[in-house]
Amino acid sequence: MTRSPLLDLPGAIGHPDGPDGGPDADVASHHGDPFAEQRAASRGAVVVDRSHRGLVVVTGADRTNWLHLLVSQQVAELAEGEGTEGLVLDVQGRVEHHAVISHVDGAVWLSVEPGAAPALAAYLESMKFWSDVAVRDASAEFAQLSVVGPQVTDVLTAAGVEIPADPESALALPGGGVVRRTPWPLDETSVDLLIPRDGLVDWWERLRGAGAVPAGLDTFEALRVASLRPRLGVDTDDRTIPHEVGWIGSAVHLTKGCYRGQETVSRVANLGRPPRQMVLLHLASGDDALPPPGTPVLTAEGGRAVGRIGTAVRHFELGSVALALVKRSAVAAADGPATVWVADDREEGVPGPATIDPDSVPPDSGEPPGRAAVRRLQG
């Protein structure tokens, strides 16, 4: 993806990784004061440049029925104006793609992670066979802006944008594109705009003129982490299954028909529990650099590796926090905050302490129904 032209506007600060370091290097990190931008998102409304995300568009008479066979979510009956999330899994049930899905104007729009659109489009193209569908990578045609905050309705109304009535619903934008309500990173006060890429700067100024405060991706990521929403390729690794990161329900329908990887999804849902859980860690990093994705999480006693860090952020209220995939055994016995250690790759090699937020631990709903059935059959 090309560098966003919004990075050249006054006040935009790029990511420290530089143009070749990291998936978010093509958009602004912040606009001068990350904490002030987060406060503006929690009290008013901000606009965030997420134009580096990819986009795949599927058209044709068979578009929803065909996609239904390939993704983890129920999309066969996805009506015009409706949206959801979905995954593409490999044969072992591990997550390969995550998409925010909207069915608008005779097309299914799949918003995906930066750089992921070519691979997803190629996979979908290879599965067309005789179906009446057309697949295209539309990343160069459309860009994404996100407006977040309790005053999002006021801002978009002032900007002349009609707002979808329900969470996850979507509408066509006059002049091309989509406006879609999303339930995160702030509860039902977030809207994504897929707009023609050549109008990106004009839309940015239009939304700012309507009252949205400019905010960098750091703000969006901090809010996302606080809402316990995973990001593919950052909070996941090549072994991640949907159950580990909370995608059951939002992106996986447990009773739909066959799709690749369904056997693993059903087996874990009915007979077992995922080997890892995504939790929120409170870090004791202070002013130190935040741990990068993939940093090991260690036990407090013995330093045994039990997980990995995903997204680490500085939140304006929570402090330094991170999403982490951690073995169930490391969190199962905790009645309160469980202490772990985060490996430190700096020269002194001293790991930093962290605590698992107990409110982030998925509740244990009891014995899985499949295991209970087996137990009853065995007497």
Protein backbone atom coordinates (compact mmCIF):
# COMPACT_ATOMS: atom_id res chain seq x y z
CA MET A 1 0.00 0.00 0.00
CA THR A 2 1.21 3.52 -0.75
CA ARG A 3 1.94 6.16 1.85
CA SER A 4 -1.14 8.10 2.90
CA PRO A 5 -1.23 11.71 1.65
CA LEU A 6 -2.64 12.66 5.06
CA LEU A 7 0.85 12.09 6.48
CA ASP A 8 1.93 15.25 4.65
CA LEU A 9 -0.67 17.45 6.38
CA PRO A 10 0.51 19.74 9.21
CA GLY A 11 0.65 18.02 12.60
CA ALA A 12 0.69 14.44 11.37
CA ILE A 13 3.38 12.32 13.05
CA GLY A 14 4.42 9.05 11.44
CA HIS A 15 5.22 5.80 13.17
CA PRO A 16 8.79 5.57 14.51
CA ASP A 17 9.40 2.33 12.62
CA GLY A 18 9.87 4.27 9.38
CA PRO A 19 8.50 3.57 5.89
CA ASP A 20 9.59 -0.08 5.83
CA GLY A 21 8.99 -1.09 9.44
CA GLY A 22 5.60 -2.36 10.47
CA PRO A 23 2.12 -2.71 8.98
CA ASP A 24 1.03 0.80 10.02
CA ALA A 25 3.95 2.84 8.70
CA ASP A 26 1.83 4.36 5.90
CA VAL A 27 -0.55 6.25 8.22
CA ALA A 28 -0.12 8.72 11.08
CA SER A 29 0.72 7.50 14.57
CA HIS A 30 -0.69 10.64 16.21
CA HIS A 31 -1.22 14.36 15.67
CA GLY A 32 0.85 15.79 18.50
CA ASP A 33 -0.79 14.54 21.71
CA PRO A 34 -1.91 10.89 21.77
CA PHE A 35 -3.57 11.10 25.20
CA ALA A 36 -5.53 14.23 24.24
CA GLU A 37 -6.68 12.41 21.09
CA GLN A 38 -7.86 9.45 23.18
CA ARG A 39 -9.75 11.78 25.53
CA ALA A 40 -11.37 13.46 22.52
CA ALA A 41 -12.50 10.05 21.26
CA SER A 42 -14.05 9.17 24.63
CA ARG A 43 -15.88 12.51 25.00
CA GLY A 44 -16.46 13.86 21.50
CA ALA A 45 -15.50 12.43 18.12
CA VAL A 46 -12.23 11.86 16.27
CA VAL A 47 -11.38 10.92 12.70
CA VAL A 48 -8.62 8.33 12.18
CA ASP A 49 -6.77 7.59 8.96
CA ARG A 50 -6.94 3.82 8.34
CA SER A 51 -6.41 4.13 4.60
CA HIS A 52 -3.66 1.50 4.66
CA ARG A 53 -6.20 -1.29 5.13
CA GLY A 54 -6.94 -3.58 2.20
CA LEU A 55 -10.26 -4.09 0.47
CA VAL A 56 -11.66 -6.98 -1.56
CA VAL A 57 -14.98 -6.57 -3.38
CA VAL A 58 -17.12 -9.50 -4.53
CA THR A 59 -19.97 -9.02 -7.02
CA GLY A 60 -22.21 -11.33 -9.04
CA ALA A 61 -25.52 -13.12 -8.51
CA ASP A 62 -24.00 -15.87 -6.34
CA ARG A 63 -21.89 -13.59 -4.14
CA THR A 64 -23.44 -14.32 -0.71
CA ASN A 65 -24.19 -18.03 -1.21
CA TRP A 66 -20.70 -18.58 -2.61
CA LEU A 67 -18.93 -16.67 0.18
CA HIS A 68 -20.99 -18.58 2.71
CA LEU A 69 -19.10 -21.75 1.69
CA LEU A 70 -15.70 -20.14 2.21
CA VAL A 71 -15.91 -18.07 5.39
CA SER A 72 -16.72 -18.91 9.00
CA GLN A 73 -19.71 -16.63 9.34
CA GLN A 74 -23.33 -16.98 8.22
CA VAL A 75 -23.50 -14.81 5.08
CA ALA A 76 -25.86 -16.70 2.75
CA GLU A 77 -28.77 -14.58 3.95
CA LEU A 78 -26.83 -11.36 4.53
CA ALA A 79 -29.27 -8.77 3.23
CA GLU A 80 -28.44 -5.52 1.49
CA GLY A 81 -27.37 -3.04 4.13
CA GLU A 82 -26.23 -5.66 6.63
CA GLY A 83 -22.73 -6.37 7.89
CA THR A 84 -20.78 -8.83 9.99
CA GLU A 85 -17.25 -10.17 10.44
CA GLY A 86 -15.81 -13.37 9.04
CA LEU A 87 -12.69 -15.51 8.94
CA VAL A 88 -10.94 -17.65 6.37
CA LEU A 89 -9.38 -20.65 8.11
CA ASP A 90 -6.87 -23.23 6.98
CA VAL A 91 -7.64 -26.95 7.08
CA GLN A 92 -6.48 -27.14 10.73
CA GLY A 93 -8.85 -24.36 11.73
CA ARG A 94 -6.13 -21.72 12.14
CA VAL A 95 -6.98 -18.16 11.15
CA GLU A 96 -5.60 -16.97 7.81
CA HIS A 97 -7.79 -13.89 7.17
CA HIS A 98 -10.13 -11.67 9.15
CA ALA A 99 -12.56 -9.43 7.29
CA VAL A 100 -15.11 -6.80 8.25
CA ILE A 101 -17.93 -7.59 5.83
CA SER A 102 -20.60 -5.27 4.39
CA HIS A 103 -23.26 -6.10 1.79
CA VAL A 104 -24.03 -2.86 -0.01
CA ASP A 105 -25.10 -1.80 -3.48
CA GLY A 106 -24.97 -5.26 -5.06
CA ALA A 107 -21.50 -6.06 -3.70
CA VAL A 108 -19.88 -7.65 -0.67
CA TRP A 109 -17.08 -5.47 0.70
CA LEU A 110 -14.37 -7.18 2.74
CA SER A 111 -12.12 -4.80 4.67
CA VAL A 112 -8.91 -6.60 5.68
CA GLU A 113 -5.55 -6.00 7.28
CA PRO A 114 -2.89 -3.94 5.46
CA GLY A 115 -1.27 -6.01 2.72
CA ALA A 116 -3.74 -8.90 3.07
CA ALA A 117 -6.02 -8.11 0.13
CA PRO A 118 -3.89 -9.68 -2.67
CA ALA A 119 -3.66 -13.04 -0.90
CA LEU A 120 -7.35 -13.08 0.01
CA ALA A 121 -8.39 -12.08 -3.51
CA ALA A 122 -6.17 -14.80 -4.97
CA TYR A 123 -7.67 -17.44 -2.70
CA LEU A 124 -11.23 -16.38 -3.51
CA GLU A 125 -10.44 -16.29 -7.22
CA SER A 126 -9.12 -19.85 -7.03
CA MET A 127 -12.43 -21.00 -5.52
CA LYS A 128 -14.80 -19.50 -8.10
CA PHE A 129 -15.24 -22.59 -10.29
CA TRP A 130 -18.64 -22.22 -12.01
CA SER A 131 -20.13 -19.65 -9.59
CA ASP A 132 -21.46 -16.34 -10.92
CA VAL A 133 -19.07 -14.10 -8.99
CA ALA A 134 -16.35 -11.58 -9.70
CA VAL A 135 -13.52 -10.86 -7.24
CA ARG A 136 -11.27 -7.82 -7.28
CA ASP A 137 -8.69 -6.24 -5.02
CA ALA A 138 -10.10 -2.72 -4.63
CA SER A 139 -7.43 -1.42 -2.24
CA ALA A 140 -6.17 1.10 -4.79
CA GLU A 141 -9.72 2.37 -5.45
CA PHE A 142 -10.97 2.96 -1.92
CA ALA A 143 -9.53 4.17 1.38
CA GLN A 144 -10.87 3.87 4.91
CA LEU A 145 -11.46 6.56 7.52
CA SER A 146 -12.92 5.79 10.95
CA VAL A 147 -14.95 8.25 13.03
CA VAL A 148 -15.08 7.30 16.70
CA GLY A 149 -16.75 8.80 19.76
CA PRO A 150 -20.09 9.59 21.42
CA GLN A 151 -20.61 12.61 19.12
CA VAL A 152 -20.12 10.61 15.92
CA THR A 153 -23.77 11.14 14.89
CA ASP A 154 -23.46 14.92 15.21
CA VAL A 155 -20.24 14.97 13.18
CA LEU A 156 -21.50 12.78 10.35
CA THR A 157 -24.82 14.62 10.17
CA ALA A 158 -22.96 17.92 9.89
CA ALA A 159 -20.81 16.35 7.16
CA GLY A 160 -23.92 15.34 5.22
CA VAL A 161 -23.48 11.60 5.76
CA GLU A 162 -26.53 9.43 6.41
CA ILE A 163 -25.82 7.07 9.31
CA PRO A 164 -26.96 3.44 9.30
CA ALA A 165 -29.62 2.81 11.91
CA ASP A 166 -28.34 -0.40 13.48
CA PRO A 167 -24.96 -1.70 14.67
CA GLU A 168 -23.05 -3.42 11.85
CA SER A 169 -25.48 -2.07 9.25
CA ALA A 170 -24.21 -0.20 6.19
CA LEU A 171 -25.31 2.20 3.47
CA ALA A 172 -23.94 3.25 0.10
CA LEU A 173 -22.23 6.63 0.03
CA PRO A 174 -23.27 9.03 -2.73
CA GLY A 175 -20.36 9.20 -5.16
CA GLY A 176 -19.18 5.70 -4.32
CA GLY A 177 -18.20 3.82 -1.21
CA VAL A 178 -19.78 2.62 2.00
CA VAL A 179 -20.61 3.98 5.46
CA ARG A 180 -20.81 1.26 8.12
CA ARG A 181 -21.54 1.32 11.84
CA THR A 182 -19.32 -0.90 13.96
CA PRO A 183 -19.70 -2.09 17.58
CA TRP A 184 -16.07 -1.36 18.41
CA PRO A 185 -13.60 0.07 19.42
CA LEU A 186 -16.18 2.13 21.35
CA ASP A 187 -19.61 0.65 21.98
CA GLU A 188 -21.74 1.42 18.94
CA THR A 189 -20.22 4.90 18.55
CA SER A 190 -17.87 4.04 15.71
CA VAL A 191 -18.36 4.40 11.96
CA ASP A 192 -16.11 3.30 9.10
CA LEU A 193 -16.16 5.16 5.80
CA LEU A 194 -14.91 3.42 2.66
CA ILE A 195 -14.39 6.32 0.28
CA PRO A 196 -12.82 6.81 -3.16
CA ARG A 197 -9.08 7.01 -2.55
CA ASP A 198 -8.65 10.09 -4.71
CA GLY A 199 -11.03 11.93 -2.35
CA LEU A 200 -9.21 11.01 0.87
CA VAL A 201 -7.88 14.48 1.68
CA ASP A 202 -11.21 16.14 0.84
CA TRP A 203 -13.10 13.73 3.11
CA TRP A 204 -10.58 14.27 5.91
CA GLU A 205 -11.07 18.04 5.75
CA ARG A 206 -14.84 17.63 5.44
CA LEU A 207 -15.01 15.57 8.63
CA ARG A 208 -12.69 17.91 10.48
CA GLY A 209 -14.85 20.81 9.41
CA ALA A 210 -17.87 18.97 10.82
CA GLY A 211 -16.23 18.79 14.25
CA ALA A 212 -14.09 15.64 14.28
CA VAL A 213 -10.73 15.99 16.01
CA PRO A 214 -7.82 14.51 14.01
CA ALA A 215 -6.38 11.44 15.74
CA GLY A 216 -3.68 8.98 14.82
CA LEU A 217 -3.83 5.22 14.67
CA ASP A 218 -2.37 5.07 18.19
CA THR A 219 -5.73 6.29 19.49
CA PHE A 220 -7.71 3.68 17.56
CA GLU A 221 -5.36 0.92 18.72
CA ALA A 222 -5.53 1.99 22.36
CA LEU A 223 -9.34 1.92 22.27
CA ARG A 224 -9.30 -1.43 20.46
CA VAL A 225 -7.03 -3.00 23.08
CA ALA A 226 -9.24 -1.68 25.90
CA SER A 227 -12.27 -3.25 24.21
CA LEU A 228 -10.43 -6.62 23.94
CA ARG A 229 -10.71 -6.78 20.15
CA PRO A 230 -7.89 -8.77 18.48
CA ARG A 231 -6.03 -7.80 15.35
CA LEU A 232 -4.93 -10.49 12.94
CA GLY A 233 -1.17 -10.83 12.58
CA VAL A 234 -0.50 -8.75 15.69
CA ASP A 235 -2.54 -10.38 18.44
CA THR A 236 -2.50 -13.73 16.63
CA ASP A 237 0.21 -16.06 15.39
CA ASP A 238 0.25 -18.90 12.88
CA ARG A 239 -1.31 -21.28 15.44
CA THR A 240 -4.25 -19.13 16.50
CA ILE A 241 -7.73 -20.64 16.33
CA PRO A 242 -10.86 -18.44 16.64
CA HIS A 243 -11.81 -19.60 20.15
CA GLU A 244 -8.57 -18.24 21.62
CA VAL A 245 -9.21 -14.59 20.74
CA GLY A 246 -12.96 -14.17 21.14
CA TRP A 247 -14.01 -14.47 17.50
CA ILE A 248 -16.68 -17.11 18.20
CA GLY A 249 -19.98 -15.35 17.63
CA SER A 250 -18.72 -12.11 16.16
CA ALA A 251 -16.87 -13.80 13.28
CA VAL A 252 -17.73 -17.50 13.58
CA HIS A 253 -21.21 -19.04 13.41
CA LEU A 254 -21.17 -22.37 15.23
CA THR A 255 -24.20 -23.92 13.50
CA LYS A 256 -23.60 -23.02 9.86
CA GLY A 257 -22.67 -25.52 7.14
CA CYS A 258 -19.32 -26.75 5.89
CA TYR A 259 -16.31 -24.53 5.37
CA ARG A 260 -12.60 -25.15 5.54
CA GLY A 261 -11.46 -25.59 9.14
CA GLN A 262 -14.95 -26.19 10.50
CA GLU A 263 -13.95 -29.54 12.04
CA THR A 264 -11.54 -27.85 14.44
CA VAL A 265 -14.05 -25.14 15.30
CA SER A 266 -16.75 -27.69 16.12
CA ARG A 267 -14.42 -30.04 17.99
CA VAL A 268 -13.09 -27.33 20.31
CA ALA A 269 -16.57 -25.87 20.85
CA ASN A 270 -18.15 -29.23 21.69
CA LEU A 271 -15.44 -31.39 23.18
CA GLY A 272 -12.71 -29.23 24.59
CA ARG A 273 -11.39 -25.79 25.37
CA PRO A 274 -8.86 -23.67 23.49
CA PRO A 275 -5.27 -24.13 24.62
CA ARG A 276 -4.75 -20.36 25.03
CA GLN A 277 -6.81 -17.32 26.01
CA MET A 278 -6.49 -13.70 25.02
CA VAL A 279 -6.22 -11.50 28.11
CA LEU A 280 -5.37 -7.93 28.98
CA LEU A 281 -2.02 -7.39 30.68
CA HIS A 282 -1.22 -4.37 32.81
CA LEU A 283 2.44 -3.60 32.18
CA ALA A 284 4.91 -1.99 34.55
CA SER A 285 6.81 -0.37 31.70
CA GLY A 286 6.64 3.25 32.83
CA ASP A 287 8.45 5.35 30.27
CA ASP A 288 10.28 2.35 28.86
CA ALA A 289 9.65 1.17 25.33
CA LEU A 290 6.61 -1.06 25.00
CA PRO A 291 7.25 -4.73 24.20
CA PRO A 292 6.81 -5.54 20.50
CA PRO A 293 4.37 -8.18 19.25
CA GLY A 294 5.70 -11.67 19.80
CA THR A 295 7.54 -10.86 23.03
CA PRO A 296 7.32 -13.93 25.32
CA VAL A 297 5.14 -13.92 28.44
CA LEU A 298 6.80 -15.86 31.28
CA THR A 299 5.61 -17.36 34.54
CA ALA A 300 6.43 -15.37 37.65
CA GLU A 301 7.96 -18.51 39.16
CA GLY A 302 10.65 -20.07 37.04
CA GLY A 303 10.39 -17.92 33.96
CA ARG A 304 8.69 -20.57 31.83
CA ALA A 305 7.21 -19.25 28.57
CA VAL A 306 3.38 -19.36 28.70
CA GLY A 307 2.35 -16.95 25.97
CA ARG A 308 3.10 -14.01 23.71
CA ILE A 309 2.45 -10.29 23.69
CA GLY A 310 0.27 -8.88 20.91
CA THR A 311 -0.61 -5.18 20.77
CA ALA A 312 0.95 -3.07 23.54
CA VAL A 313 -0.30 0.50 23.97
CA ARG A 314 -0.36 3.43 26.37
CA HIS A 315 -3.98 4.07 27.27
CA PHE A 316 -5.00 7.44 28.70
CA GLU A 317 -6.84 5.79 31.62
CA LEU A 318 -5.47 2.25 31.92
CA GLY A 319 -1.80 3.10 31.53
CA SER A 320 0.51 0.70 29.69
CA VAL A 321 -1.51 -2.35 28.68
CA ALA A 322 -1.26 -5.14 26.14
CA LEU A 323 -3.29 -7.94 24.67
CA ALA A 324 -1.60 -11.30 25.14
CA LEU A 325 -2.25 -14.91 24.18
CA VAL A 326 -1.57 -16.93 27.33
CA LYS A 327 -1.90 -20.62 28.16
CA ARG A 328 -5.09 -21.42 30.03
CA SER A 329 -3.09 -22.96 32.87
CA ALA A 330 -1.44 -19.61 33.55
CA VAL A 331 -4.72 -17.85 34.25
CA ALA A 332 -7.18 -20.56 35.34
CA ALA A 333 -6.35 -20.50 39.05
CA ALA A 334 -6.26 -16.72 39.47
CA ASP A 335 -8.93 -15.29 41.82
CA GLY A 336 -7.43 -11.84 41.36
CA PRO A 337 -4.72 -10.24 39.23
CA ALA A 338 -2.22 -12.95 38.33
CA THR A 339 1.41 -11.88 38.04
CA VAL A 340 3.44 -12.85 35.01
CA TRP A 341 6.63 -11.52 33.47
CA VAL A 342 7.26 -10.04 30.07
CA ALA A 343 10.61 -10.91 28.56
CA ASP A 344 12.88 -7.97 27.91
CA ASP A 345 15.18 -8.08 24.89
CA ARG A 346 17.22 -5.07 25.94
CA GLU A 347 20.87 -5.48 26.81
CA GLU A 348 20.31 -5.97 30.53
CA GLY A 349 17.91 -8.80 29.75
CA VAL A 350 15.67 -8.15 32.77
CA PRO A 351 12.02 -9.09 32.26
CA GLY A 352 9.30 -6.67 33.41
CA PRO A 353 6.41 -7.63 35.67
CA ALA A 354 2.82 -7.60 34.42
CA THR A 355 -0.56 -8.56 35.82
CA ILE A 356 -3.43 -10.29 34.07
CA ASP A 357 -6.59 -8.24 34.35
CA PRO A 358 -9.13 -10.67 35.86
CA ASP A 359 -12.02 -8.91 34.12
CA SER A 360 -10.45 -9.80 30.77
CA VAL A 361 -10.36 -13.54 31.46
CA PRO A 362 -13.15 -15.25 29.47
CA PRO A 363 -15.71 -16.77 31.86
CA ASP A 364 -15.74 -20.52 32.26
CA SER A 365 -19.26 -21.51 31.21
CA GLY A 366 -18.83 -25.02 32.56
CA GLU A 367 -18.32 -28.37 30.92
CA PRO A 368 -18.58 -28.25 27.11
CA PRO A 369 -21.79 -29.95 25.94
CA GLY A 370 -19.96 -32.51 23.84
CA ARG A 371 -17.75 -33.58 26.73
CA ALA A 372 -20.79 -33.84 29.01
CA ALA A 373 -22.50 -36.09 26.45
CA VAL A 374 -19.47 -38.38 26.26
CA ARG A 375 -19.32 -38.57 30.06
CA ARG A 376 -22.98 -39.51 30.27
CA LEU A 377 -22.54 -42.23 27.62
CA GLN A 378 -19.60 -43.66 29.56
CA GLY A 379 -21.65 -43.69 32.76
